[in-house]
């Protein structure tokens, strides 16, 4: 979707809701590799928002975005899924404390996958 927007189709400008819907669909899928796909989409959101916070203000990740990816890792059967979920938690803490983003972990963050 971002590629379509970049190519000039202004009708398909992605935002936190559209990214969230795709991330959520990956998180709910049992297909191998979907937690990594959800993680990659969140990383893309973070990168785009940080590269130009004004132009990409509508891509600012939120706690729900992170919780969805953490939940995907928590339910994943991947070898390093627990480590990946913990990395995501640490990233939330860092972005919240050092970069002022409103992505503080909440109760769901700590209980994902249960």
C-alpha atoms as a PDB file:
ATOM      1  CA  UNK A   1       0.000   0.000   0.000  1.00  0.00           C
ATOM      2  CA  UNK A   2       2.828   2.362   0.833  1.00  0.00           C
ATOM      3  CA  UNK A   3       4.375   1.615  -2.554  1.00  0.00           C
ATOM      4  CA  UNK A   4       1.120   2.547  -4.320  1.00  0.00           C
ATOM      5  CA  UNK A   5       1.016   5.811  -2.403  1.00  0.00           C
ATOM      6  CA  UNK A   6       4.676   6.509  -3.210  1.00  0.00           C
ATOM      7  CA  UNK A   7       3.969   5.961  -6.911  1.00  0.00           C
ATOM      8  CA  UNK A   8       1.396   8.770  -6.850  1.00  0.00           C
ATOM      9  CA  UNK A   9      -1.897   7.133  -5.921  1.00  0.00           C
ATOM     10  CA  UNK A  10      -3.019   9.491  -3.144  1.00  0.00           C
ATOM     11  CA  UNK A  11      -6.242   7.514  -2.596  1.00  0.00           C
ATOM     12  CA  UNK A  12      -4.384   4.728  -0.811  1.00  0.00           C
ATOM     13  CA  UNK A  13      -2.326   6.624   1.756  1.00  0.00           C
ATOM     14  CA  UNK A  14      -1.624   4.142   4.561  1.00  0.00           C
ATOM     15  CA  UNK A  15      -2.058   5.124   8.200  1.00  0.00           C
ATOM     16  CA  UNK A  16      -1.809   3.510  11.618  1.00  0.00           C
ATOM     17  CA  UNK A  17      -5.240   1.902  11.145  1.00  0.00           C
ATOM     18  CA  UNK A  18      -4.465   0.275   7.790  1.00  0.00           C
ATOM     19  CA  UNK A  19      -1.062  -0.909   8.973  1.00  0.00           C
ATOM     20  CA  UNK A  20      -2.718  -2.161  12.162  1.00  0.00           C
ATOM     21  CA  UNK A  21      -5.277  -4.179  10.210  1.00  0.00           C
ATOM     22  CA  UNK A  22      -2.591  -5.905   8.157  1.00  0.00           C
ATOM     23  CA  UNK A  23      -0.396  -6.496  11.217  1.00  0.00           C
ATOM     24  CA  UNK A  24      -3.409  -7.949  13.034  1.00  0.00           C
ATOM     25  CA  UNK A  25      -4.198 -10.298  10.142  1.00  0.00           C
ATOM     26  CA  UNK A  26      -0.628 -11.601  10.229  1.00  0.00           C
ATOM     27  CA  UNK A  27      -0.789 -11.945  14.012  1.00  0.00           C
ATOM     28  CA  UNK A  28      -3.962 -14.034  13.816  1.00  0.00           C
ATOM     29  CA  UNK A  29      -2.650 -16.330  11.110  1.00  0.00           C
ATOM     30  CA  UNK A  30      -1.057 -19.635  11.983  1.00  0.00           C
ATOM     31  CA  UNK A  31       1.133 -19.646   8.882  1.00  0.00           C
ATOM     32  CA  UNK A  32       4.861 -19.889   9.582  1.00  0.00           C
ATOM     33  CA  UNK A  33       6.661 -16.578   9.312  1.00  0.00           C
ATOM     34  CA  UNK A  34       3.660 -14.360   9.948  1.00  0.00           C
ATOM     35  CA  UNK A  35       4.996 -13.021  13.245  1.00  0.00           C
ATOM     36  CA  UNK A  36       8.114 -11.891  11.371  1.00  0.00           C
ATOM     37  CA  UNK A  37       5.928 -10.256   8.706  1.00  0.00           C
ATOM     38  CA  UNK A  38       3.975  -8.386  11.379  1.00  0.00           C
ATOM     39  CA  UNK A  39       7.274  -7.336  12.971  1.00  0.00           C
ATOM     40  CA  UNK A  40       8.574  -6.068   9.611  1.00  0.00           C
ATOM     41  CA  UNK A  41       5.470  -3.950   9.056  1.00  0.00           C
ATOM     42  CA  UNK A  42       5.821  -2.371  12.489  1.00  0.00           C
ATOM     43  CA  UNK A  43       9.496  -1.690  11.781  1.00  0.00           C
ATOM     44  CA  UNK A  44       8.471  -0.021   8.525  1.00  0.00           C
ATOM     45  CA  UNK A  45       5.967   2.173  10.386  1.00  0.00           C
ATOM     46  CA  UNK A  46       8.607   3.197  12.911  1.00  0.00           C
ATOM     47  CA  UNK A  47      11.154   3.939  10.198  1.00  0.00           C
ATOM     48  CA  UNK A  48       8.766   6.016   8.110  1.00  0.00           C
ATOM     49  CA  UNK A  49       7.482   7.960  11.107  1.00  0.00           C
ATOM     50  CA  UNK A  50      10.958   8.677  12.436  1.00  0.00           C
ATOM     51  CA  UNK A  51      12.320   9.630   8.997  1.00  0.00           C
ATOM     52  CA  UNK A  52       9.738  12.414   8.635  1.00  0.00           C
ATOM     53  CA  UNK A  53       7.406  12.784  11.640  1.00  0.00           C
ATOM     54  CA  UNK A  54       5.409  15.567   9.974  1.00  0.00           C
ATOM     55  CA  UNK A  55       4.773  13.867   6.632  1.00  0.00           C
ATOM     56  CA  UNK A  56       4.162  10.513   8.325  1.00  0.00           C
ATOM     57  CA  UNK A  57       2.369  11.654  11.471  1.00  0.00           C
ATOM     58  CA  UNK A  58      -0.470   9.264  10.622  1.00  0.00           C
ATOM     59  CA  UNK A  59       1.973   6.324  10.775  1.00  0.00           C
ATOM     60  CA  UNK A  60       2.970   6.913  14.385  1.00  0.00           C
ATOM     61  CA  UNK A  61       2.851   3.468  16.022  1.00  0.00           C
ATOM     62  CA  UNK A  62       0.864   3.101  19.216  1.00  0.00           C
ATOM     63  CA  UNK A  63       0.735   0.621  22.062  1.00  0.00           C
ATOM     64  CA  UNK A  64      -1.839  -1.455  20.168  1.00  0.00           C
ATOM     65  CA  UNK A  65       0.553  -1.777  17.214  1.00  0.00           C
ATOM     66  CA  UNK A  66       3.274  -3.134  19.472  1.00  0.00           C
ATOM     67  CA  UNK A  67       0.932  -5.359  21.469  1.00  0.00           C
ATOM     68  CA  UNK A  68      -0.317  -6.979  18.287  1.00  0.00           C
ATOM     69  CA  UNK A  69       3.220  -7.848  17.198  1.00  0.00           C
ATOM     70  CA  UNK A  70       4.170  -9.057  20.687  1.00  0.00           C
ATOM     71  CA  UNK A  71       1.085 -11.264  20.691  1.00  0.00           C
ATOM     72  CA  UNK A  72       2.044 -12.623  17.264  1.00  0.00           C
ATOM     73  CA  UNK A  73       5.476 -13.571  18.585  1.00  0.00           C
ATOM     74  CA  UNK A  74       3.992 -15.004  21.784  1.00  0.00           C
ATOM     75  CA  UNK A  75       1.753 -17.338  19.786  1.00  0.00           C
ATOM     76  CA  UNK A  76       4.384 -18.151  17.188  1.00  0.00           C
ATOM     77  CA  UNK A  77       6.081 -21.511  17.034  1.00  0.00           C
ATOM     78  CA  UNK A  78       9.309 -19.919  15.803  1.00  0.00           C
ATOM     79  CA  UNK A  79      12.518 -20.931  17.565  1.00  0.00           C
ATOM     80  CA  UNK A  80      13.342 -17.459  18.909  1.00  0.00           C
ATOM     81  CA  UNK A  81       9.801 -16.121  19.361  1.00  0.00           C
ATOM     82  CA  UNK A  82      10.152 -15.435  23.092  1.00  0.00           C
ATOM     83  CA  UNK A  83      13.323 -13.445  22.467  1.00  0.00           C
ATOM     84  CA  UNK A  84      11.609 -11.496  19.694  1.00  0.00           C
ATOM     85  CA  UNK A  85       8.655 -10.654  21.949  1.00  0.00           C
ATOM     86  CA  UNK A  86      11.043  -9.451  24.648  1.00  0.00           C
ATOM     87  CA  UNK A  87      12.961  -7.353  22.081  1.00  0.00           C
ATOM     88  CA  UNK A  88       9.689  -5.706  21.126  1.00  0.00           C
ATOM     89  CA  UNK A  89       8.967  -4.923  24.789  1.00  0.00           C
ATOM     90  CA  UNK A  90      12.415  -3.355  25.181  1.00  0.00           C
ATOM     91  CA  UNK A  91      11.880  -1.310  22.015  1.00  0.00           C
ATOM     92  CA  UNK A  92       8.587  -0.006  23.411  1.00  0.00           C
ATOM     93  CA  UNK A  93      10.325   1.044  26.617  1.00  0.00           C
ATOM     94  CA  UNK A  94      13.129   2.744  24.685  1.00  0.00           C
ATOM     95  CA  UNK A  95      10.844   4.600  22.284  1.00  0.00           C
ATOM     96  CA  UNK A  96       8.680   5.701  25.167  1.00  0.00           C
ATOM     97  CA  UNK A  97      11.466   6.925  27.433  1.00  0.00           C
ATOM     98  CA  UNK A  98      14.062   8.231  24.966  1.00  0.00           C
ATOM     99  CA  UNK A  99      12.006   9.322  21.994  1.00  0.00           C
ATOM    100  CA  UNK A 100       8.824  10.507  23.672  1.00  0.00           C
ATOM    101  CA  UNK A 101       6.538   8.189  21.750  1.00  0.00           C
ATOM    102  CA  UNK A 102       3.345   7.186  23.522  1.00  0.00           C
ATOM    103  CA  UNK A 103       3.956   3.432  23.363  1.00  0.00           C
ATOM    104  CA  UNK A 104       4.182   2.558  27.035  1.00  0.00           C
ATOM    105  CA  UNK A 105       3.642  -1.108  27.815  1.00  0.00           C
ATOM    106  CA  UNK A 106       0.289  -1.876  29.418  1.00  0.00           C
ATOM    107  CA  UNK A 107      -1.302  -4.912  31.077  1.00  0.00           C
ATOM    108  CA  UNK A 108      -1.917  -6.595  27.719  1.00  0.00           C
ATOM    109  CA  UNK A 109       1.728  -6.151  26.758  1.00  0.00           C
ATOM    110  CA  UNK A 110       2.830  -8.219  29.738  1.00  0.00           C
ATOM    111  CA  UNK A 111       0.158 -10.899  29.335  1.00  0.00           C
ATOM    112  CA  UNK A 112       0.264 -11.422  25.566  1.00  0.00           C
ATOM    113  CA  UNK A 113      -0.201 -14.953  24.361  1.00  0.00           C
ATOM    114  CA  UNK A 114      -2.125 -16.134  27.403  1.00  0.00           C
END
